[in-house]
Amino acid sequence: MTEPVSAAHLSKPVRARSSRIGVDFTIQVVQSERVAGFPDSGQPYVSLVAQFPDYGPDHPADEYLLCFDSELAQTVGRILLTAGRAGSPRPIHR
């Protein structure tokens, strides 16, 4: 992932990797500078980057960036936890 051009505060990246399909995820909290005329600028958001490996000529390596405001990040997090627990052959409790 390339660093933002403007000044931004970045949390320490947290990484997760799927051993089954080889996808890497990097998650950070980002807060950029305020931009005049854009009322939501300067607000922190969650950055999730999914990096897919090279699966061959029909599916080369690729990277996708998703950005979530705090409310959406929490909602998606709850959905992922619920779906992950429901789809797990052995429940994980943390």
N, C-alpha and C. Protein backbone atom coordinates (compact mmCIF):
# COMPACT_ATOMS: atom_id res chain seq x y z
N MET A 1 0.85 -1.18 0.00
CA MET A 1 0.00 0.00 0.00
C MET A 1 0.89 1.23 0.00
N THR A 2 0.59 2.20 -0.82
CA THR A 2 1.38 3.42 -0.84
C THR A 2 0.90 4.37 0.25
N GLU A 3 1.82 5.13 0.78
CA GLU A 3 1.49 6.08 1.83
C GLU A 3 0.70 7.25 1.25
N PRO A 4 -0.21 7.84 2.03
CA PRO A 4 -0.97 8.99 1.53
C PRO A 4 -0.06 10.17 1.26
N VAL A 5 -0.48 11.02 0.29
CA VAL A 5 0.32 12.17 -0.10
C VAL A 5 0.26 13.25 0.97
N SER A 6 -0.91 13.51 1.52
CA SER A 6 -1.04 14.54 2.56
C SER A 6 -0.60 13.97 3.90
N ALA A 7 -0.46 14.85 4.86
CA ALA A 7 -0.08 14.40 6.20
C ALA A 7 -1.23 13.60 6.80
N ALA A 8 -0.90 12.48 7.37
CA ALA A 8 -1.91 11.63 7.98
C ALA A 8 -1.29 10.91 9.16
N HIS A 9 -2.11 10.64 10.15
CA HIS A 9 -1.69 9.82 11.28
C HIS A 9 -2.15 8.40 10.99
N LEU A 10 -1.23 7.45 11.13
CA LEU A 10 -1.54 6.05 10.86
C LEU A 10 -1.28 5.22 12.10
N SER A 11 -2.22 4.34 12.44
CA SER A 11 -1.97 3.41 13.54
C SER A 11 -0.99 2.34 13.06
N LYS A 12 -0.49 1.59 14.00
CA LYS A 12 0.37 0.46 13.64
C LYS A 12 -0.47 -0.53 12.84
N PRO A 13 0.01 -1.01 11.70
CA PRO A 13 -0.79 -1.94 10.91
C PRO A 13 -0.93 -3.29 11.60
N VAL A 14 -2.11 -3.87 11.47
CA VAL A 14 -2.39 -5.21 11.97
C VAL A 14 -2.61 -6.08 10.74
N ARG A 15 -1.97 -7.24 10.72
CA ARG A 15 -2.05 -8.10 9.54
C ARG A 15 -2.69 -9.44 9.88
N ALA A 16 -3.39 -9.98 8.90
CA ALA A 16 -3.96 -11.32 9.00
C ALA A 16 -3.78 -11.97 7.64
N ARG A 17 -3.54 -13.26 7.65
CA ARG A 17 -3.31 -13.99 6.39
C ARG A 17 -4.16 -15.25 6.36
N SER A 18 -4.74 -15.50 5.22
CA SER A 18 -5.48 -16.74 5.01
C SER A 18 -4.52 -17.79 4.48
N SER A 19 -4.26 -18.81 5.28
CA SER A 19 -3.36 -19.88 4.82
C SER A 19 -4.00 -20.73 3.74
N ARG A 20 -5.32 -20.72 3.68
CA ARG A 20 -6.02 -21.54 2.70
C ARG A 20 -5.97 -20.94 1.29
N ILE A 21 -6.16 -19.62 1.17
CA ILE A 21 -6.19 -19.01 -0.17
C ILE A 21 -5.08 -17.99 -0.39
N GLY A 22 -4.27 -17.73 0.64
CA GLY A 22 -3.10 -16.86 0.47
C GLY A 22 -3.39 -15.37 0.44
N VAL A 23 -4.57 -14.94 0.82
CA VAL A 23 -4.89 -13.51 0.83
C VAL A 23 -4.35 -12.89 2.12
N ASP A 24 -3.71 -11.73 1.99
CA ASP A 24 -3.22 -10.98 3.14
C ASP A 24 -4.12 -9.77 3.37
N PHE A 25 -4.42 -9.50 4.63
CA PHE A 25 -5.22 -8.32 5.00
C PHE A 25 -4.38 -7.44 5.90
N THR A 26 -4.41 -6.15 5.65
CA THR A 26 -3.75 -5.16 6.50
C THR A 26 -4.79 -4.14 6.91
N ILE A 27 -4.88 -3.89 8.22
CA ILE A 27 -5.88 -2.97 8.74
C ILE A 27 -5.19 -1.90 9.56
N GLN A 28 -5.57 -0.64 9.33
CA GLN A 28 -5.03 0.50 10.07
C GLN A 28 -6.14 1.52 10.31
N VAL A 29 -5.96 2.30 11.36
CA VAL A 29 -6.80 3.48 11.56
C VAL A 29 -6.02 4.66 10.99
N VAL A 30 -6.70 5.47 10.18
CA VAL A 30 -6.06 6.59 9.50
C VAL A 30 -6.83 7.86 9.82
N GLN A 31 -6.09 8.94 10.05
CA GLN A 31 -6.72 10.24 10.19
C GLN A 31 -5.91 11.23 9.37
N SER A 32 -6.53 11.77 8.33
CA SER A 32 -5.89 12.73 7.44
C SER A 32 -6.16 14.15 7.90
N GLU A 33 -5.49 15.10 7.25
CA GLU A 33 -5.72 16.51 7.55
C GLU A 33 -7.11 16.93 7.11
N ARG A 34 -7.63 17.97 7.76
CA ARG A 34 -8.90 18.55 7.32
C ARG A 34 -8.69 19.28 5.99
N VAL A 35 -9.72 19.19 5.14
CA VAL A 35 -9.69 19.88 3.85
C VAL A 35 -10.88 20.82 3.82
N ALA A 36 -10.61 22.10 3.57
CA ALA A 36 -11.67 23.10 3.54
C ALA A 36 -12.73 22.71 2.51
N GLY A 37 -14.00 22.83 2.92
CA GLY A 37 -15.10 22.51 2.02
C GLY A 37 -15.55 21.06 2.08
N PHE A 38 -14.82 20.23 2.83
CA PHE A 38 -15.18 18.82 2.98
C PHE A 38 -15.38 18.53 4.46
N PRO A 39 -16.62 18.63 4.95
CA PRO A 39 -16.88 18.53 6.38
C PRO A 39 -16.47 17.21 7.03
N ASP A 40 -16.46 16.11 6.28
CA ASP A 40 -16.08 14.81 6.85
C ASP A 40 -14.57 14.58 6.84
N SER A 41 -13.83 15.47 6.18
CA SER A 41 -12.38 15.28 6.15
C SER A 41 -11.81 15.49 7.55
N GLY A 42 -10.71 14.85 7.82
CA GLY A 42 -10.10 14.95 9.14
C GLY A 42 -10.65 13.95 10.13
N GLN A 43 -11.71 13.25 9.78
CA GLN A 43 -12.27 12.24 10.66
C GLN A 43 -11.49 10.93 10.50
N PRO A 44 -11.27 10.21 11.59
CA PRO A 44 -10.57 8.94 11.46
C PRO A 44 -11.43 7.92 10.72
N TYR A 45 -10.76 7.00 10.04
CA TYR A 45 -11.46 5.91 9.36
C TYR A 45 -10.59 4.66 9.42
N VAL A 46 -11.19 3.54 9.13
CA VAL A 46 -10.48 2.26 9.14
C VAL A 46 -10.15 1.90 7.69
N SER A 47 -8.88 1.63 7.46
CA SER A 47 -8.40 1.24 6.14
C SER A 47 -8.14 -0.27 6.14
N LEU A 48 -8.75 -0.99 5.20
CA LEU A 48 -8.52 -2.42 5.06
C LEU A 48 -8.00 -2.67 3.66
N VAL A 49 -6.82 -3.26 3.56
CA VAL A 49 -6.24 -3.59 2.27
C VAL A 49 -6.21 -5.11 2.15
N ALA A 50 -6.80 -5.63 1.08
CA ALA A 50 -6.75 -7.06 0.77
C ALA A 50 -5.78 -7.24 -0.38
N GLN A 51 -4.75 -8.07 -0.15
CA GLN A 51 -3.74 -8.33 -1.17
C GLN A 51 -3.87 -9.79 -1.61
N PHE A 52 -4.25 -9.96 -2.88
CA PHE A 52 -4.43 -11.30 -3.44
C PHE A 52 -3.14 -11.72 -4.13
N PRO A 53 -2.73 -12.98 -3.98
CA PRO A 53 -1.51 -13.45 -4.64
C PRO A 53 -1.76 -13.67 -6.14
N ASP A 54 -0.68 -13.94 -6.83
CA ASP A 54 -0.76 -14.26 -8.25
C ASP A 54 -1.26 -15.70 -8.40
N TYR A 55 -2.48 -15.83 -8.93
CA TYR A 55 -3.06 -17.16 -9.13
C TYR A 55 -2.83 -17.66 -10.56
N GLY A 56 -2.08 -16.92 -11.33
CA GLY A 56 -1.80 -17.32 -12.72
C GLY A 56 -2.21 -16.23 -13.69
N PRO A 57 -2.05 -16.49 -14.98
CA PRO A 57 -2.28 -15.46 -16.00
C PRO A 57 -3.69 -14.88 -16.02
N ASP A 58 -4.69 -15.68 -15.64
CA ASP A 58 -6.07 -15.19 -15.65
C ASP A 58 -6.41 -14.38 -14.40
N HIS A 59 -5.60 -14.52 -13.35
CA HIS A 59 -5.86 -13.84 -12.08
C HIS A 59 -4.55 -13.37 -11.45
N PRO A 60 -3.96 -12.29 -12.02
CA PRO A 60 -2.68 -11.81 -11.48
C PRO A 60 -2.87 -11.21 -10.07
N ALA A 61 -1.77 -11.04 -9.37
CA ALA A 61 -1.80 -10.43 -8.04
C ALA A 61 -2.52 -9.09 -8.11
N ASP A 62 -3.26 -8.78 -7.07
CA ASP A 62 -3.98 -7.51 -7.04
C ASP A 62 -4.17 -7.06 -5.60
N GLU A 63 -4.46 -5.79 -5.44
CA GLU A 63 -4.64 -5.19 -4.12
C GLU A 63 -5.89 -4.33 -4.14
N TYR A 64 -6.72 -4.45 -3.10
CA TYR A 64 -7.95 -3.68 -3.01
C TYR A 64 -7.97 -2.94 -1.69
N LEU A 65 -8.34 -1.67 -1.74
CA LEU A 65 -8.43 -0.83 -0.55
C LEU A 65 -9.90 -0.55 -0.26
N LEU A 66 -10.31 -0.80 0.99
CA LEU A 66 -11.65 -0.46 1.45
C LEU A 66 -11.50 0.47 2.64
N CYS A 67 -12.32 1.52 2.70
CA CYS A 67 -12.29 2.47 3.81
C CYS A 67 -13.66 2.48 4.49
N PHE A 68 -13.63 2.43 5.82
CA PHE A 68 -14.86 2.37 6.61
C PHE A 68 -14.86 3.49 7.65
N ASP A 69 -15.97 4.21 7.79
CA ASP A 69 -16.07 5.11 8.94
C ASP A 69 -16.24 4.22 10.17
N SER A 70 -16.16 4.80 11.35
CA SER A 70 -16.15 3.98 12.57
C SER A 70 -17.44 3.18 12.74
N GLU A 71 -18.57 3.77 12.40
CA GLU A 71 -19.85 3.05 12.56
C GLU A 71 -19.92 1.85 11.63
N LEU A 72 -19.54 2.05 10.36
CA LEU A 72 -19.59 0.95 9.40
C LEU A 72 -18.56 -0.13 9.77
N ALA A 73 -17.37 0.26 10.23
CA ALA A 73 -16.36 -0.71 10.63
C ALA A 73 -16.88 -1.61 11.76
N GLN A 74 -17.57 -1.02 12.72
CA GLN A 74 -18.12 -1.80 13.82
C GLN A 74 -19.22 -2.75 13.35
N THR A 75 -20.07 -2.26 12.45
CA THR A 75 -21.15 -3.10 11.91
C THR A 75 -20.59 -4.27 11.12
N VAL A 76 -19.65 -3.98 10.23
CA VAL A 76 -19.03 -5.04 9.43
C VAL A 76 -18.28 -6.02 10.34
N GLY A 77 -17.61 -5.51 11.37
CA GLY A 77 -16.92 -6.37 12.31
C GLY A 77 -17.85 -7.35 13.00
N ARG A 78 -19.01 -6.86 13.45
CA ARG A 78 -19.99 -7.74 14.09
C ARG A 78 -20.51 -8.79 13.11
N ILE A 79 -20.76 -8.38 11.87
CA ILE A 79 -21.24 -9.32 10.86
C ILE A 79 -20.18 -10.40 10.60
N LEU A 80 -18.93 -10.00 10.47
CA LEU A 80 -17.86 -10.98 10.24
C LEU A 80 -17.70 -11.93 11.42
N LEU A 81 -17.78 -11.42 12.64
CA LEU A 81 -17.70 -12.29 13.81
C LEU A 81 -18.84 -13.31 13.83
N THR A 82 -20.05 -12.84 13.58
CA THR A 82 -21.21 -13.73 13.58
C THR A 82 -21.09 -14.79 12.48
N ALA A 83 -20.75 -14.35 11.27
CA ALA A 83 -20.62 -15.29 10.15
C ALA A 83 -19.46 -16.26 10.38
N GLY A 84 -18.36 -15.76 10.91
CA GLY A 84 -17.21 -16.61 11.17
C GLY A 84 -17.52 -17.69 12.20
N ARG A 85 -18.24 -17.32 13.24
CA ARG A 85 -18.62 -18.29 14.26
C ARG A 85 -19.59 -19.33 13.69
N ALA A 86 -20.53 -18.86 12.88
CA ALA A 86 -21.53 -19.77 12.30
C ALA A 86 -20.90 -20.74 11.31
N GLY A 87 -19.87 -20.29 10.62
CA GLY A 87 -19.25 -21.14 9.61
C GLY A 87 -18.06 -21.93 10.08
N SER A 88 -17.71 -21.81 11.35
CA SER A 88 -16.54 -22.49 11.88
C SER A 88 -16.86 -23.93 12.29
N PRO A 89 -16.02 -24.88 11.86
CA PRO A 89 -16.23 -26.26 12.30
C PRO A 89 -15.92 -26.43 13.79
N ARG A 90 -15.11 -25.54 14.32
CA ARG A 90 -14.81 -25.55 15.76
C ARG A 90 -14.82 -24.11 16.24
N PRO A 91 -15.77 -23.74 17.06
CA PRO A 91 -15.91 -22.35 17.52
C PRO A 91 -14.65 -21.83 18.20
N ILE A 92 -14.35 -20.58 17.92
CA ILE A 92 -13.22 -19.90 18.54
C ILE A 92 -13.78 -18.85 19.48
N HIS A 93 -13.40 -18.88 20.73
CA HIS A 93 -13.87 -17.90 21.72
C HIS A 93 -12.68 -17.09 22.20
N ARG A 94 -12.80 -15.77 22.08
CA ARG A 94 -11.73 -14.87 22.54
C ARG A 94 -12.30 -13.78 23.39
